[in-house]
C-alpha atoms as a PDB file:
ATOM      1  CA  MET A   1      -8.848  -2.635  10.629  1.00  0.00           C
ATOM      2  CA  LEU A   2      -7.832  -5.938  10.037  1.00  0.00           C
ATOM      3  CA  ASP A   3      -5.928  -6.397  13.843  1.00  0.00           C
ATOM      4  CA  PRO A   4      -8.853  -5.938  15.543  1.00  0.00           C
ATOM      5  CA  ALA A   5     -11.286  -7.675  13.429  1.00  0.00           C
ATOM      6  CA  LEU A   6      -8.949 -11.146  14.150  1.00  0.00           C
ATOM      7  CA  TYR A   7      -7.900 -10.652  17.777  1.00  0.00           C
ATOM      8  CA  GLY A   8      -9.956  -7.917  19.756  1.00  0.00           C
ATOM      9  CA  THR A   9      -9.146  -4.578  20.877  1.00  0.00           C
ATOM     10  CA  GLU A  10      -7.120  -5.276  24.343  1.00  0.00           C
ATOM     11  CA  SER A  11      -4.032  -5.746  22.876  1.00  0.00           C
ATOM     12  CA  PRO A  12      -2.967  -3.859  19.579  1.00  0.00           C
ATOM     13  CA  ALA A  13      -0.212  -5.412  17.638  1.00  0.00           C
ATOM     14  CA  VAL A  14       2.993  -4.411  16.279  1.00  0.00           C
ATOM     15  CA  VAL A  15       3.055  -3.471  12.893  1.00  0.00           C
ATOM     16  CA  LEU A  16       6.857  -4.247  11.067  1.00  0.00           C
ATOM     17  CA  THR A  17       6.088  -2.375   7.672  1.00  0.00           C
ATOM     18  CA  TYR A  18       8.149  -0.550   4.955  1.00  0.00           C
ATOM     19  CA  ALA A  19       8.251   3.706   5.127  1.00  0.00           C
ATOM     20  CA  TRP A  20       7.777   3.782   1.035  1.00  0.00           C
ATOM     21  CA  ASP A  21       5.677   6.058   0.410  1.00  0.00           C
ATOM     22  CA  ARG A  22       3.724   7.093  -3.048  1.00  0.00           C
ATOM     23  CA  LEU A  23       6.075   9.928  -5.010  1.00  0.00           C
ATOM     24  CA  LEU A  24       2.693  12.459  -3.817  1.00  0.00           C
ATOM     25  CA  ILE A  25       4.297  11.888  -0.396  1.00  0.00           C
ATOM     26  CA  ASP A  26       7.922  11.037   0.041  1.00  0.00           C
ATOM     27  CA  PRO A  27       9.426  12.682  -3.420  1.00  0.00           C
ATOM     28  CA  VAL A  28      12.141  10.388  -2.893  1.00  0.00           C
ATOM     29  CA  PRO A  29      12.699   6.930  -4.843  1.00  0.00           C
ATOM     30  CA  GLY A  30      12.327   3.849  -2.894  1.00  0.00           C
ATOM     31  CA  PRO A  31      12.099   2.914   0.767  1.00  0.00           C
ATOM     32  CA  ARG A  32      13.379   4.819   4.071  1.00  0.00           C
ATOM     33  CA  GLY A  33      15.702   3.294   6.115  1.00  0.00           C
ATOM     34  CA  PRO A  34      16.074   4.574  10.487  1.00  0.00           C
ATOM     35  CA  ALA A  35      18.886   7.511   9.022  1.00  0.00           C
ATOM     36  CA  ASN A  36      15.991   9.039   7.276  1.00  0.00           C
ATOM     37  CA  PHE A  37      14.470   9.520  10.423  1.00  0.00           C
ATOM     38  CA  THR A  38      15.008  11.601  13.348  1.00  0.00           C
ATOM     39  CA  GLY A  39      13.230  10.540  16.832  1.00  0.00           C
ATOM     40  CA  LEU A  40      13.535   6.754  16.541  1.00  0.00           C
ATOM     41  CA  HIS A  41      13.314   4.416  19.462  1.00  0.00           C
ATOM     42  CA  GLN A  42      15.632   1.494  19.257  1.00  0.00           C
ATOM     43  CA  LEU A  43      14.061  -1.702  20.190  1.00  0.00           C
ATOM     44  CA  THR A  44      17.048  -4.125  18.705  1.00  0.00           C
ATOM     45  CA  PRO A  45      20.121  -3.844  17.383  1.00  0.00           C
ATOM     46  CA  SER A  46      18.417  -3.842  13.935  1.00  0.00           C
ATOM     47  CA  VAL A  47      14.984  -2.942  14.364  1.00  0.00           C
ATOM     48  CA  HIS A  48      13.475   0.798  15.317  1.00  0.00           C
ATOM     49  CA  ALA A  49      10.269   1.940  16.244  1.00  0.00           C
ATOM     50  CA  VAL A  50       8.453   4.630  14.541  1.00  0.00           C
ATOM     51  CA  PRO A  51       6.879   6.849  17.362  1.00  0.00           C
ATOM     52  CA  ALA A  52       4.348   9.744  16.780  1.00  0.00           C
ATOM     53  CA  ASP A  53       7.223  12.572  17.375  1.00  0.00           C
ATOM     54  CA  ALA A  54       9.707  10.848  14.558  1.00  0.00           C
ATOM     55  CA  LYS A  55      10.357  12.610  11.481  1.00  0.00           C
ATOM     56  CA  PRO A  56      11.598  12.016   8.289  1.00  0.00           C
ATOM     57  CA  VAL A  57      14.252  13.714   7.379  1.00  0.00           C
ATOM     58  CA  ALA A  58      13.790  16.096   4.239  1.00  0.00           C
ATOM     59  CA  PRO A  59      13.288  15.669   1.722  1.00  0.00           C
ATOM     60  CA  ALA A  60      12.027  12.254   2.619  1.00  0.00           C
ATOM     61  CA  GLY A  61       8.187  12.368   3.445  1.00  0.00           C
ATOM     62  CA  SER A  62       6.543   9.245   5.717  1.00  0.00           C
ATOM     63  CA  THR A  63       3.385   8.579   6.668  1.00  0.00           C
ATOM     64  CA  LEU A  64       4.427   6.191   9.986  1.00  0.00           C
ATOM     65  CA  PRO A  65       4.944   9.467  12.270  1.00  0.00           C
ATOM     66  CA  ARG A  66       1.070  10.095  11.958  1.00  0.00           C
ATOM     67  CA  LEU A  67      -0.240   6.290  11.754  1.00  0.00           C
ATOM     68  CA  ALA A  68       1.568   6.260  14.913  1.00  0.00           C
ATOM     69  CA  ALA A  69      -0.597   9.196  16.519  1.00  0.00           C
ATOM     70  CA  GLU A  70      -3.459   8.307  15.424  1.00  0.00           C
ATOM     71  CA  LEU A  71      -3.976   4.375  16.219  1.00  0.00           C
ATOM     72  CA  PRO A  72      -3.171   2.238  18.810  1.00  0.00           C
ATOM     73  CA  HIS A  73      -0.861   0.287  17.106  1.00  0.00           C
ATOM     74  CA  ALA A  74       3.129   0.182  17.743  1.00  0.00           C
ATOM     75  CA  PHE A  75       5.018   0.741  14.103  1.00  0.00           C
ATOM     76  CA  ALA A  76       8.242  -0.447  13.678  1.00  0.00           C
ATOM     77  CA  LEU A  77      10.578  -0.181  10.295  1.00  0.00           C
ATOM     78  CA  ILE A  78      11.201  -2.606   7.654  1.00  0.00           C
ATOM     79  CA  ASP A  79      15.055  -1.321   6.833  1.00  0.00           C
ATOM     80  CA  PRO A  80      15.335  -3.720   3.243  1.00  0.00           C
ATOM     81  CA  HIS A  81      18.743  -1.503   2.511  1.00  0.00           C
ATOM     82  CA  HIS A  82      20.484  -5.115   3.712  1.00  0.00           C
ATOM     83  CA  GLY A  83      18.471  -7.255   1.401  1.00  0.00           C
ATOM     84  CA  ALA A  84      16.152 -10.275   2.650  1.00  0.00           C
ATOM     85  CA  GLN A  85      18.943 -11.270   5.001  1.00  0.00           C
ATOM     86  CA  GLY A  86      18.636  -8.286   6.875  1.00  0.00           C
ATOM     87  CA  ILE A  87      15.078  -8.453   7.281  1.00  0.00           C
ATOM     88  CA  THR A  88      15.374 -11.646   8.263  1.00  0.00           C
ATOM     89  CA  ARG A  89      17.480 -10.819  10.965  1.00  0.00           C
ATOM     90  CA  GLN A  90      15.178  -7.807  12.112  1.00  0.00           C
ATOM     91  CA  LEU A  91      12.128 -10.178  12.246  1.00  0.00           C
ATOM     92  CA  GLN A  92      14.437 -12.928  14.397  1.00  0.00           C
ATOM     93  CA  GLU A  93      15.389 -10.301  16.538  1.00  0.00           C
ATOM     94  CA  LEU A  94      11.769  -8.863  17.445  1.00  0.00           C
ATOM     95  CA  ILE A  95      10.583 -12.144  17.843  1.00  0.00           C
ATOM     96  CA  GLU A  96      13.521 -12.670  20.344  1.00  0.00           C
ATOM     97  CA  HIS A  97      12.415  -9.332  21.920  1.00  0.00           C
ATOM     98  CA  LEU A  98       8.311  -9.527  21.751  1.00  0.00           C
ATOM     99  CA  GLN A  99       8.113 -13.476  22.420  1.00  0.00           C
ATOM    100  CA  PRO A 100       4.357 -12.735  20.008  1.00  0.00           C
ATOM    101  CA  GLU A 101       1.692 -15.436  20.567  1.00  0.00           C
ATOM    102  CA  SER A 102       1.270 -14.676  16.606  1.00  0.00           C
ATOM    103  CA  ILE A 103       3.274 -13.460  13.710  1.00  0.00           C
ATOM    104  CA  ASP A 104       1.244 -12.477  10.783  1.00  0.00           C
ATOM    105  CA  LEU A 105       2.219 -11.620   7.381  1.00  0.00           C
ATOM    106  CA  LEU A 106      -0.213  -9.322   5.277  1.00  0.00           C
ATOM    107  CA  ASP A 107      -0.700  -8.533   1.577  1.00  0.00           C
ATOM    108  CA  VAL A 108      -3.556  -6.074   0.022  1.00  0.00           C
ATOM    109  CA  GLY A 109      -4.511  -7.333  -2.929  1.00  0.00           C
ATOM    110  CA  GLY A 110      -2.574 -10.553  -3.449  1.00  0.00           C
ATOM    111  CA  ASP A 111       0.470 -10.168  -5.724  1.00  0.00           C
ATOM    112  CA  ILE A 112       2.610 -11.979  -3.323  1.00  0.00           C
ATOM    113  CA  LEU A 113       1.475 -14.946  -4.493  1.00  0.00           C
ATOM    114  CA  ALA A 114       2.731 -13.917  -8.117  1.00  0.00           C
ATOM    115  CA  GLN A 115       5.154 -16.098 -10.230  1.00  0.00           C
ATOM    116  CA  GLY A 116       7.376 -12.585 -11.244  1.00  0.00           C
ATOM    117  CA  ASP A 117       6.000 -12.470 -14.989  1.00  0.00           C
ATOM    118  CA  GLU A 118       2.487 -11.245 -15.130  1.00  0.00           C
ATOM    119  CA  PRO A 119       2.226  -8.652 -17.617  1.00  0.00           C
ATOM    120  CA  THR A 120       0.078  -6.592 -14.608  1.00  0.00           C
ATOM    121  CA  LEU A 121       2.648  -6.999 -11.844  1.00  0.00           C
ATOM    122  CA  ARG A 122       3.619  -3.680 -10.682  1.00  0.00           C
ATOM    123  CA  SER A 123       5.662  -3.300  -7.338  1.00  0.00           C
ATOM    124  CA  PRO A 124       6.724  -7.003  -6.513  1.00  0.00           C
ATOM    125  CA  LEU A 125       9.990  -6.070  -4.881  1.00  0.00           C
ATOM    126  CA  GLY A 126       8.637  -5.408  -1.547  1.00  0.00           C
ATOM    127  CA  ASP A 127       6.266  -8.268  -1.124  1.00  0.00           C
ATOM    128  CA  ALA A 128       8.735 -10.783  -2.465  1.00  0.00           C
ATOM    129  CA  LEU A 129      12.021  -9.645   0.284  1.00  0.00           C
ATOM    130  CA  THR A 130       8.894 -10.018   3.213  1.00  0.00           C
ATOM    131  CA  LEU A 131       8.089 -13.264   1.890  1.00  0.00           C
ATOM    132  CA  ALA A 132      11.777 -14.519   1.433  1.00  0.00           C
ATOM    133  CA  ALA A 133      12.598 -13.163   5.110  1.00  0.00           C
ATOM    134  CA  CYS A 134       9.704 -14.638   6.612  1.00  0.00           C
ATOM    135  CA  CYS A 135      10.267 -18.122   4.737  1.00  0.00           C
ATOM    136  CA  GLN A 136      13.394 -17.969   6.678  1.00  0.00           C
ATOM    137  CA  LEU A 137      12.322 -17.722  10.176  1.00  0.00           C
ATOM    138  CA  ASP A 138      11.942 -20.524  12.862  1.00  0.00           C
ATOM    139  CA  ALA A 139       8.865 -19.069  14.037  1.00  0.00           C
ATOM    140  CA  PRO A 140       5.565 -20.063  11.954  1.00  0.00           C
ATOM    141  CA  VAL A 141       4.102 -17.015   9.923  1.00  0.00           C
ATOM    142  CA  ARG A 142       0.392 -16.978   8.566  1.00  0.00           C
ATOM    143  CA  LEU A 143       0.064 -15.338   5.016  1.00  0.00           C
ATOM    144  CA  LEU A 144      -3.033 -13.582   5.136  1.00  0.00           C
ATOM    145  CA  ILE A 145      -4.409 -12.071   1.651  1.00  0.00           C
ATOM    146  CA  VAL A 146      -7.052  -9.363   2.340  1.00  0.00           C
ATOM    147  CA  GLY A 147      -8.983  -7.549  -0.428  1.00  0.00           C
ATOM    148  CA  PRO A 148      -7.851  -9.998  -3.658  1.00  0.00           C
ATOM    149  CA  GLY A 149      -7.011  -8.015  -6.669  1.00  0.00           C
ATOM    150  CA  LEU A 150      -7.764  -4.583  -5.212  1.00  0.00           C
ATOM    151  CA  ASP A 151      -4.453  -3.251  -5.449  1.00  0.00           C
ATOM    152  CA  GLY A 152      -4.444  -3.617  -9.338  1.00  0.00           C
ATOM    153  CA  GLU A 153      -2.120  -5.813  -9.884  1.00  0.00           C
ATOM    154  CA  LEU A 154      -3.130  -9.359 -10.046  1.00  0.00           C
ATOM    155  CA  PRO A 155      -7.059  -9.955 -10.885  1.00  0.00           C
ATOM    156  CA  ALA A 156      -9.037 -11.714  -7.823  1.00  0.00           C
ATOM    157  CA  GLU A 157     -10.116 -14.404 -10.769  1.00  0.00           C
ATOM    158  CA  ALA A 158      -5.923 -15.467 -11.063  1.00  0.00           C
ATOM    159  CA  LEU A 159      -5.500 -15.870  -7.295  1.00  0.00           C
ATOM    160  CA  ARG A 160      -8.706 -18.141  -6.396  1.00  0.00           C
ATOM    161  CA  ASP A 161      -6.602 -21.173  -6.385  1.00  0.00           C
ATOM    162  CA  ARG A 162      -3.534 -19.877  -4.883  1.00  0.00           C
ATOM    163  CA  MET A 163      -5.467 -19.203  -1.153  1.00  0.00           C
ATOM    164  CA  GLY A 164      -7.905 -20.763   0.623  1.00  0.00           C
ATOM    165  CA  PRO A 165     -11.708 -19.657   1.412  1.00  0.00           C
ATOM    166  CA  ALA A 166     -12.473 -16.647   2.779  1.00  0.00           C
ATOM    167  CA  MET A 167     -12.056 -16.549   6.627  1.00  0.00           C
ATOM    168  CA  LEU A 168     -13.172 -13.577   7.136  1.00  0.00           C
ATOM    169  CA  THR A 169     -15.384 -10.551   5.761  1.00  0.00           C
ATOM    170  CA  LEU A 170     -14.659  -7.013   6.685  1.00  0.00           C
ATOM    171  CA  THR A 171     -17.570  -4.661   7.215  1.00  0.00           C
ATOM    172  CA  ALA A 172     -18.446  -1.187   7.857  1.00  0.00           C
ATOM    173  CA  GLU A 173     -17.948  -1.694  11.706  1.00  0.00           C
ATOM    174  CA  HIS A 174     -14.850  -2.684  11.010  1.00  0.00           C
ATOM    175  CA  THR A 175     -13.663   0.215   8.932  1.00  0.00           C
ATOM    176  CA  GLU A 176     -14.615   2.885  12.001  1.00  0.00           C
ATOM    177  CA  PRO A 177     -11.297   2.604  13.899  1.00  0.00           C
ATOM    178  CA  VAL A 178      -9.247   4.059  10.362  1.00  0.00           C
ATOM    179  CA  THR A 179     -12.163   6.442   9.569  1.00  0.00           C
ATOM    180  CA  SER A 180      -9.938   9.743  10.436  1.00  0.00           C
ATOM    181  CA  VAL A 181      -6.729   7.943   8.491  1.00  0.00           C
ATOM    182  CA  LEU A 182      -8.249   7.328   5.286  1.00  0.00           C
ATOM    183  CA  GLU A 183      -9.357  10.533   5.351  1.00  0.00           C
ATOM    184  CA  TRP A 184      -5.743  11.695   4.675  1.00  0.00           C
ATOM    185  CA  HIS A 185      -3.791   8.605   3.788  1.00  0.00           C
ATOM    186  CA  PRO A 186      -2.837   7.957   0.490  1.00  0.00           C
ATOM    187  CA  SER A 187      -2.834   3.988   0.128  1.00  0.00           C
ATOM    188  CA  GLU A 188      -5.637   3.460  -2.361  1.00  0.00           C
ATOM    189  CA  ALA A 189      -5.493  -0.143  -2.028  1.00  0.00           C
ATOM    190  CA  THR A 190      -6.910   0.621   1.939  1.00  0.00           C
ATOM    191  CA  ALA A 191      -9.035   3.058   0.568  1.00  0.00           C
ATOM    192  CA  MET A 192     -10.833   0.473  -1.785  1.00  0.00           C
ATOM    193  CA  LEU A 193     -10.970  -2.615   1.263  1.00  0.00           C
ATOM    194  CA  ALA A 194     -12.821   0.042   3.372  1.00  0.00           C
ATOM    195  CA  ALA A 195     -15.038   1.063   0.440  1.00  0.00           C
ATOM    196  CA  THR A 196     -16.326  -2.458  -0.520  1.00  0.00           C
ATOM    197  CA  ALA A 197     -16.700  -2.852   3.550  1.00  0.00           C
ATOM    198  CA  ARG A 198     -19.267  -0.287   3.008  1.00  0.00           C
ATOM    199  CA  ARG A 199     -20.875  -2.046   0.255  1.00  0.00           C
ATOM    200  CA  VAL A 200     -19.491   0.640  -2.423  1.00  0.00           C
ATOM    201  CA  ARG A 201     -19.940  -1.381  -5.878  1.00  0.00           C
ATOM    202  CA  GLY A 202     -18.277  -0.127  -9.215  1.00  0.00           C
ATOM    203  CA  LEU A 203     -15.101  -0.004 -11.167  1.00  0.00           C
ATOM    204  CA  CYS A 204     -12.637   2.129  -9.771  1.00  0.00           C
ATOM    205  CA  GLU A 205      -9.667   3.819 -11.668  1.00  0.00           C
ATOM    206  CA  ILE A 206      -6.473   4.248  -9.575  1.00  0.00           C
ATOM    207  CA  ARG A 207      -2.853   5.070  -9.975  1.00  0.00           C
ATOM    208  CA  ASP A 208      -1.161   7.413 -12.686  1.00  0.00           C
ATOM    209  CA  ALA A 209      -1.739   4.465 -14.988  1.00  0.00           C
ATOM    210  CA  GLY A 210      -5.338   4.847 -14.315  1.00  0.00           C
ATOM    211  CA  LEU A 211      -5.732   0.835 -13.981  1.00  0.00           C
ATOM    212  CA  PRO A 212      -9.580  -0.510 -13.298  1.00  0.00           C
ATOM    213  CA  VAL A 213      -9.836  -2.266 -10.283  1.00  0.00           C
ATOM    214  CA  PRO A 214     -13.562  -3.852  -9.892  1.00  0.00           C
ATOM    215  CA  LEU A 215     -15.673  -3.068  -6.556  1.00  0.00           C
ATOM    216  CA  THR A 216     -17.201  -6.283  -5.657  1.00  0.00           C
ATOM    217  CA  ALA A 217     -18.470  -8.131  -2.542  1.00  0.00           C
ATOM    218  CA  GLU A 218     -14.945 -10.036  -3.168  1.00  0.00           C
ATOM    219  CA  GLY A 219     -13.055  -7.123  -2.149  1.00  0.00           C
ATOM    220  CA  PRO A 220     -13.290  -6.875   1.745  1.00  0.00           C
ATOM    221  CA  THR A 221     -12.769 -11.017   2.365  1.00  0.00           C
ATOM    222  CA  VAL A 222      -9.593 -12.220   4.243  1.00  0.00           C
ATOM    223  CA  HIS A 223      -8.081 -14.896   3.160  1.00  0.00           C
ATOM    224  CA  GLU A 224      -4.964 -17.556   4.253  1.00  0.00           C
ATOM    225  CA  ALA A 225      -2.596 -18.555   1.482  1.00  0.00           C
ATOM    226  CA  ASP A 226      -0.042 -21.125   2.430  1.00  0.00           C
ATOM    227  CA  LEU A 227       3.549 -19.605   2.619  1.00  0.00           C
ATOM    228  CA  ASP A 228       5.750 -22.397   1.445  1.00  0.00           C
ATOM    229  CA  ASP A 229       3.820 -22.418  -1.371  1.00  0.00           C
ATOM    230  CA  ALA A 230       3.766 -18.786  -2.258  1.00  0.00           C
ATOM    231  CA  LEU A 231       7.562 -19.041  -2.260  1.00  0.00           C
ATOM    232  CA  THR A 232       7.782 -21.854  -4.403  1.00  0.00           C
ATOM    233  CA  ARG A 233       6.014 -19.717  -6.783  1.00  0.00           C
ATOM    234  CA  ASN A 234       7.260 -16.520  -6.107  1.00  0.00           C
ATOM    235  CA  ARG A 235      10.343 -16.547  -8.378  1.00  0.00           C
ATOM    236  CA  LEU A 236      11.663 -12.950  -7.293  1.00  0.00           C
ATOM    237  CA  ALA A 237      11.563 -14.186  -3.866  1.00  0.00           C
ATOM    238  CA  ARG A 238      13.387 -17.758  -4.211  1.00  0.00           C
ATOM    239  CA  ALA A 239      16.416 -15.601  -6.596  1.00  0.00           C
ATOM    240  CA  ILE A 240      16.788 -13.122  -3.177  1.00  0.00           C
ATOM    241  CA  LEU A 241      16.562 -15.408  -0.298  1.00  0.00           C
ATOM    242  CA  ASN A 242      20.641 -14.237   0.279  1.00  0.00           C
ATOM    243  CA  THR A 243      20.602 -10.765  -0.878  1.00  0.00           C
ATOM    244  CA  GLU A 244      22.405  -8.691   1.909  1.00  0.00           C
ATOM    245  CA  THR A 245      21.737  -5.719  -0.262  1.00  0.00           C
ATOM    246  CA  LEU A 246      18.784  -3.749  -1.766  1.00  0.00           C
ATOM    247  CA  ASN A 247      20.903  -3.298  -4.545  1.00  0.00           C
ATOM    248  CA  GLN A 248      21.122  -7.086  -4.988  1.00  0.00           C
ATOM    249  CA  ALA A 249      17.204  -7.705  -5.109  1.00  0.00           C
ATOM    250  CA  GLU A 250      16.505  -5.041  -7.295  1.00  0.00           C
ATOM    251  CA  GLN A 251      18.788  -6.516  -9.934  1.00  0.00           C
ATOM    252  CA  HIS A 252      17.405  -9.729  -9.496  1.00  0.00           C
ATOM    253  CA  SER A 253      13.913  -7.921 -10.096  1.00  0.00           C
ATOM    254  CA  ARG A 254      15.619  -6.300 -13.461  1.00  0.00           C
ATOM    255  CA  GLU A 255      16.430  -9.757 -14.186  1.00  0.00           C
ATOM    256  CA  ILE A 256      13.154 -11.931 -13.592  1.00  0.00           C
ATOM    257  CA  CYS A 257      10.577  -9.285 -13.976  1.00  0.00           C
ATOM    258  CA  GLY A 258      12.092  -7.182 -16.380  1.00  0.00           C
ATOM    259  CA  TYR A 259      12.003  -3.885 -14.195  1.00  0.00           C
ATOM    260  CA  SER A 260      12.649  -2.462 -10.797  1.00  0.00           C
ATOM    261  CA  GLU A 261       9.866  -0.365  -9.278  1.00  0.00           C
ATOM    262  CA  ILE A 262      12.800   1.494  -7.939  1.00  0.00           C
ATOM    263  CA  ASP A 263      13.883   2.529 -11.257  1.00  0.00           C
ATOM    264  CA  TYR A 264      10.247   3.482 -12.240  1.00  0.00           C
ATOM    265  CA  GLU A 265       9.854   5.883  -9.106  1.00  0.00           C
ATOM    266  CA  ARG A 266      13.196   7.221  -9.890  1.00  0.00           C
ATOM    267  CA  ASN A 267      12.141   8.102 -13.470  1.00  0.00           C
ATOM    268  CA  LYS A 268       9.149   9.164 -12.352  1.00  0.00           C
ATOM    269  CA  ALA A 269      10.646  11.487  -9.996  1.00  0.00           C
ATOM    270  CA  THR A 270      13.239  13.186 -12.092  1.00  0.00           C
ATOM    271  CA  TRP A 271       9.978  13.646 -14.546  1.00  0.00           C
ATOM    272  CA  LEU A 272       8.032  15.235 -11.926  1.00  0.00           C
ATOM    273  CA  GLY A 273      10.860  17.874 -10.705  1.00  0.00           C
ATOM    274  CA  THR A 274      10.274  19.094 -14.135  1.00  0.00           C
ATOM    275  CA  GLN A 275       6.428  19.742 -13.978  1.00  0.00           C
ATOM    276  CA  PRO A 276       5.629  23.565 -13.290  1.00  0.00           C
ATOM    277  CA  GLU A 277       2.631  23.864 -10.042  1.00  0.00           C
ATOM    278  CA  GLN A 278      -0.393  24.639 -11.259  1.00  0.00           C
ATOM    279  CA  SER A 279      -2.578  27.035  -9.328  1.00  0.00           C
ATOM    280  CA  LEU A 280      -5.810  25.496  -7.662  1.00  0.00           C
ATOM    281  CA  ASP A 281      -8.085  27.860  -9.262  1.00  0.00           C
ATOM    282  CA  PRO A 282     -11.758  26.130  -8.586  1.00  0.00           C
ATOM    283  CA  GLU A 283     -13.005  27.133 -12.211  1.00  0.00           C
ATOM    284  CA  ASN A 284      -9.930  25.134 -14.046  1.00  0.00           C
ATOM    285  CA  VAL A 285     -10.013  22.471 -11.535  1.00  0.00           C
ATOM    286  CA  PHE A 286     -13.650  21.625 -12.062  1.00  0.00           C
ATOM    287  CA  HIS A 287     -13.170  22.450 -15.732  1.00  0.00           C
ATOM    288  CA  GLN A 288     -10.298  19.933 -15.591  1.00  0.00           C
ATOM    289  CA  LEU A 289     -13.233  17.502 -13.314  1.00  0.00           C
ATOM    290  CA  ASP A 290     -15.892  17.575 -16.071  1.00  0.00           C
ATOM    291  CA  GLN A 291     -13.308  16.250 -18.226  1.00  0.00           C
ATOM    292  CA  PHE A 292     -12.002  13.756 -16.802  1.00  0.00           C
ATOM    293  CA  GLU A 293     -14.849  12.430 -15.409  1.00  0.00           C
ATOM    294  CA  ALA A 294     -16.597  12.354 -18.994  1.00  0.00           C
ATOM    295  CA  GLN A 295     -13.831  10.149 -20.206  1.00  0.00           C
ATOM    296  CA  ALA A 296     -13.934   8.030 -17.116  1.00  0.00           C
ATOM    297  CA  ARG A 297     -17.320   7.283 -17.726  1.00  0.00           C
ATOM    298  CA  SER A 298     -16.704   6.263 -21.376  1.00  0.00           C
ATOM    299  CA  ARG A 299     -13.963   4.323 -19.531  1.00  0.00           C
ATOM    300  CA  GLY A 300     -16.853   2.310 -17.638  1.00  0.00           C
ATOM    301  CA  ILE A 301     -15.518   3.893 -14.635  1.00  0.00           C
ATOM    302  CA  THR A 302     -17.963   4.479 -11.544  1.00  0.00           C
ATOM    303  CA  HIS A 303     -14.782   5.319  -8.685  1.00  0.00           C
ATOM    304  CA  THR A 304     -12.066   6.923  -8.808  1.00  0.00           C
ATOM    305  CA  THR A 305      -9.308   8.013  -5.665  1.00  0.00           C
ATOM    306  CA  PHE A 306      -8.192  11.062  -4.820  1.00  0.00           C
ATOM    307  CA  ARG A 307      -4.998  10.248  -5.362  1.00  0.00           C
ATOM    308  CA  ARG A 308      -5.611   9.413  -9.156  1.00  0.00           C
ATOM    309  CA  LEU A 309      -7.269  12.752  -9.110  1.00  0.00           C
ATOM    310  CA  THR A 310      -4.414  14.299  -8.498  1.00  0.00           C
ATOM    311  CA  GLU A 311      -2.375  12.925 -10.570  1.00  0.00           C
ATOM    312  CA  ALA A 312      -5.151  12.668 -13.810  1.00  0.00           C
ATOM    313  CA  LEU A 313      -5.549  16.980 -13.156  1.00  0.00           C
ATOM    314  CA  GLY A 314      -1.869  17.777 -13.080  1.00  0.00           C
ATOM    315  CA  TYR A 315      -1.479  18.750  -9.398  1.00  0.00           C
ATOM    316  CA  ASN A 316       1.159  17.929  -6.955  1.00  0.00           C
ATOM    317  CA  GLY A 317       1.521  15.634  -3.955  1.00  0.00           C
ATOM    318  CA  THR A 318       1.267  18.841  -1.666  1.00  0.00           C
ATOM    319  CA  GLN A 319      -1.605  20.121  -3.742  1.00  0.00           C
ATOM    320  CA  ARG A 320      -3.956  16.501  -2.882  1.00  0.00           C
ATOM    321  CA  GLN A 321      -5.074  16.957   0.579  1.00  0.00           C
ATOM    322  CA  ASP A 322      -6.288  20.711  -0.997  1.00  0.00           C
ATOM    323  CA  LEU A 323      -7.611  19.137  -3.914  1.00  0.00           C
ATOM    324  CA  ARG A 324      -9.864  16.975  -2.084  1.00  0.00           C
ATOM    325  CA  GLN A 325     -11.167  19.443   0.509  1.00  0.00           C
ATOM    326  CA  LEU A 326     -12.040  21.863  -2.747  1.00  0.00           C
ATOM    327  CA  LEU A 327     -14.173  18.813  -4.115  1.00  0.00           C
ATOM    328  CA  LEU A 328     -15.753  17.810  -1.075  1.00  0.00           C
ATOM    329  CA  ASN A 329     -16.799  21.580  -0.212  1.00  0.00           C
ATOM    330  CA  SER A 330     -18.355  21.579  -3.638  1.00  0.00           C
ATOM    331  CA  ARG A 331     -19.844  18.067  -4.707  1.00  0.00           C
ATOM    332  CA  PRO A 332     -19.934  16.423  -1.528  1.00  0.00           C
ATOM    333  CA  GLU A 333     -22.783  14.262  -2.564  1.00  0.00           C
ATOM    334  CA  GLN A 334     -19.873  12.931  -4.930  1.00  0.00           C
ATOM    335  CA  TYR A 335     -18.155  11.050  -1.841  1.00  0.00           C
ATOM    336  CA  ALA A 336     -18.321   7.580  -1.666  1.00  0.00           C
ATOM    337  CA  ALA A 337     -16.009   7.602   1.383  1.00  0.00           C
ATOM    338  CA  PRO A 338     -13.331   7.415   1.100  1.00  0.00           C
ATOM    339  CA  LEU A 339     -13.639   7.132  -2.793  1.00  0.00           C
ATOM    340  CA  TRP A 340     -14.852   9.578  -5.437  1.00  0.00           C
ATOM    341  CA  LYS A 341     -18.007   8.828  -7.353  1.00  0.00           C
ATOM    342  CA  ILE A 342     -17.635   9.837 -11.074  1.00  0.00           C
ATOM    343  CA  ARG A 343     -21.223  11.219 -11.745  1.00  0.00           C
ATOM    344  CA  SER A 344     -23.512   9.572 -13.878  1.00  0.00           C
ATOM    345  CA  GLN A 345     -24.352  11.312 -17.301  1.00  0.00           C
ATOM    346  CA  GLN A 346     -26.589  14.260 -16.951  1.00  0.00           C
END
């Protein structure tokens, strides 16, 4: 969404990103590295492109090959298994290989601007690793925050004094290139970003914990933040500057933040492995849905994501798309693309 909005469509960006999907998509905890794929193309000694015909090695899963198939951008893999030093090396190699006109570090939600001890913070490690790596480059990097507060971690009001004024507000037109992707991709933050750009407003419940996220006019805004200020503020990013393994970075996260998000994924994956698969019986689905919506209304919730519905109703990741299709076929009026609208009290 952001690349054509900022730069036009003539020369799509190269997107260097993690293969670190939710357990609904990838049942293996933590991020994937090159060894977890077949069909990657080696761009530099430590950077691999993810083409459309790449495949994750089972049991791992990844959304990147399908993104590469449906979007004009080239996707390359951030491999965090060699710590912040390894990511710095990947970035340096890629810059030398591509000679890019500009480099943007993009964070959806703004939790990259955290200190590390905020009680609402859930997933600081990936952000801290990329922040630490970018701050060690010779090339200039612009830090962009899109959708302040939309990841359900730091509220938008906590971010206002940490970033500059809005440089762009995304509109419904900006979401058009990714409309088909949003029909299947599980990213809740991106779904809410697109929804707010389409003027959906209310309170959206996300994740397995049912976090409430306001959908406001601030949702589709894009801001620039100071990269050095972000590093100065982010205790975890500073601590992991010289790490050479992901395990080292995880240990710093446990010490500074009190947890590692990969530990959380490990525990959740173990629990999910013990759960029986429910049948997608329509009568049972809609009975559960009615109960969930009644409770959500009592919490002031107006919208939710299909990921949240899948987990709240007790279904697994392989059933998410079938559940989504069942709901859309039966109650299309509740689809506030790409979110699900909670029915008002009947």
